[in-house]
Amino acid sequence: MLILTAIKADRSRVMEYINRLDNYDAPDIANIAISSELYEEAFAIFRKFEVNTSAIQASVHRNFYSHLYVFYSRLYVFYSRLYVALILFTDSSLQTILCYRT
């Protein structure tokens, strides 16, 4: 309720409330923020509650490509680690092939 009131009355405090409060319906509040053209705040909500697909959509909507770079770098690290784990723990013949390739 406090965040909704701030969206309508005092937009400068919305980000502060987003960062301080934890118990609210994130997708609904973020969509209200988007409809009120508070895209940065919506992105912060989506990121805080790890609704990554919606955060990316909010970023694309307002051309916040620097935010997309953050997600890309996290995905790159994740998939790199996943790739290494799959190779190391699945088949020893794959390990042998990779040892000779490097």
Protein backbone atom coordinates (compact mmCIF):
# COMPACT_ATOMS: atom_id res chain seq x y z
CA MET A 1 0.00 0.00 0.00
CA LEU A 2 2.86 2.35 0.84
CA ILE A 3 4.50 1.82 -2.56
CA LEU A 4 1.23 2.39 -4.39
CA THR A 5 0.65 5.63 -2.51
CA ALA A 6 4.18 6.78 -3.35
CA ILE A 7 3.64 5.96 -7.04
CA LYS A 8 0.65 8.28 -7.09
CA ALA A 9 1.78 10.99 -4.66
CA ASP A 10 5.57 11.13 -4.28
CA ARG A 11 7.49 9.34 -7.02
CA SER A 12 10.85 10.28 -5.52
CA ARG A 13 10.31 7.87 -2.62
CA VAL A 14 9.23 4.82 -4.61
CA MET A 15 12.73 3.38 -5.03
CA GLU A 16 13.43 3.81 -1.33
CA TYR A 17 10.29 1.85 -0.45
CA ILE A 18 11.09 -0.85 -2.99
CA ASN A 19 14.51 -1.38 -1.44
CA ARG A 20 13.28 -1.31 2.17
CA LEU A 21 10.08 -3.34 1.96
CA ASP A 22 9.89 -7.06 1.19
CA ASN A 23 6.34 -8.29 1.71
CA TYR A 24 4.35 -7.14 -1.32
CA ASP A 25 2.96 -8.55 -4.54
CA ALA A 26 5.92 -7.79 -6.77
CA PRO A 27 4.49 -8.45 -10.26
CA ASP A 28 1.36 -6.38 -9.63
CA ILE A 29 3.28 -3.46 -8.12
CA ALA A 30 5.84 -3.58 -10.93
CA ASN A 31 3.11 -3.52 -13.58
CA ILE A 32 1.51 -0.52 -11.89
CA ALA A 33 4.93 1.16 -11.88
CA ILE A 34 5.27 0.48 -15.62
CA SER A 35 1.84 1.92 -16.31
CA SER A 36 2.93 5.02 -14.36
CA GLU A 37 6.12 5.17 -16.46
CA LEU A 38 8.38 4.26 -13.53
CA TYR A 39 10.44 1.78 -15.54
CA GLU A 40 13.56 1.89 -13.39
CA GLU A 41 11.47 1.12 -10.33
CA ALA A 42 9.69 -1.74 -12.10
CA PHE A 43 13.05 -3.17 -13.11
CA ALA A 44 14.24 -2.95 -9.49
CA ILE A 45 11.16 -4.81 -8.27
CA PHE A 46 11.51 -7.56 -10.84
CA ARG A 47 15.20 -7.95 -10.07
CA LYS A 48 14.68 -7.97 -6.32
CA PHE A 49 12.16 -10.80 -6.56
CA GLU A 50 14.11 -12.57 -9.33
CA VAL A 51 11.41 -12.31 -11.96
CA ASN A 52 14.12 -12.11 -14.59
CA THR A 53 12.00 -12.47 -17.72
CA SER A 54 9.82 -9.56 -16.70
CA ALA A 55 12.87 -7.52 -15.73
CA ILE A 56 14.32 -8.04 -19.19
CA GLN A 57 11.02 -7.04 -20.79
CA ALA A 58 10.89 -3.88 -18.68
CA SER A 59 14.45 -3.07 -19.75
CA VAL A 60 13.75 -3.60 -23.44
CA HIS A 61 10.60 -1.49 -23.18
CA ARG A 62 12.64 1.57 -22.16
CA ASN A 63 15.93 0.72 -23.89
CA PHE A 64 17.81 0.12 -20.65
CA TYR A 65 20.46 -1.92 -22.40
CA SER A 66 22.93 -1.55 -19.53
CA HIS A 67 20.50 -3.58 -17.42
CA LEU A 68 20.41 -6.25 -20.10
CA TYR A 69 24.19 -6.47 -19.98
CA VAL A 70 23.96 -7.35 -16.27
CA PHE A 71 21.63 -10.25 -17.07
CA TYR A 72 23.79 -11.37 -19.98
CA SER A 73 26.91 -11.46 -17.82
CA ARG A 74 25.10 -13.52 -15.17
CA LEU A 75 23.79 -15.94 -17.78
CA TYR A 76 27.22 -16.26 -19.35
CA VAL A 77 28.76 -17.21 -16.00
CA PHE A 78 25.92 -19.63 -15.27
CA TYR A 79 26.10 -21.42 -18.61
CA SER A 80 29.89 -21.53 -18.53
CA ARG A 81 29.79 -23.27 -15.17
CA LEU A 82 27.03 -25.59 -16.31
CA TYR A 83 29.00 -26.55 -19.42
CA VAL A 84 32.10 -27.37 -17.38
CA ALA A 85 30.06 -29.36 -14.85
CA LEU A 86 28.37 -31.38 -17.57
CA ILE A 87 31.66 -32.21 -19.20
CA LEU A 88 33.45 -33.11 -16.00
CA PHE A 89 30.71 -35.23 -14.49
CA THR A 90 29.05 -37.00 -17.40
CA ASP A 91 31.41 -39.01 -19.55
CA SER A 92 35.10 -39.70 -19.11
CA SER A 93 35.55 -39.99 -22.88
CA LEU A 94 34.43 -36.37 -23.22
CA GLN A 95 37.04 -35.41 -20.65
CA THR A 96 39.70 -37.16 -22.69
CA ILE A 97 38.66 -35.38 -25.89
CA LEU A 98 38.67 -31.99 -24.18
CA CYS A 99 42.09 -32.58 -22.64
CA TYR A 100 43.56 -33.11 -26.10
CA ARG A 101 41.79 -30.08 -27.60
CA THR A 102 43.27 -27.55 -25.18
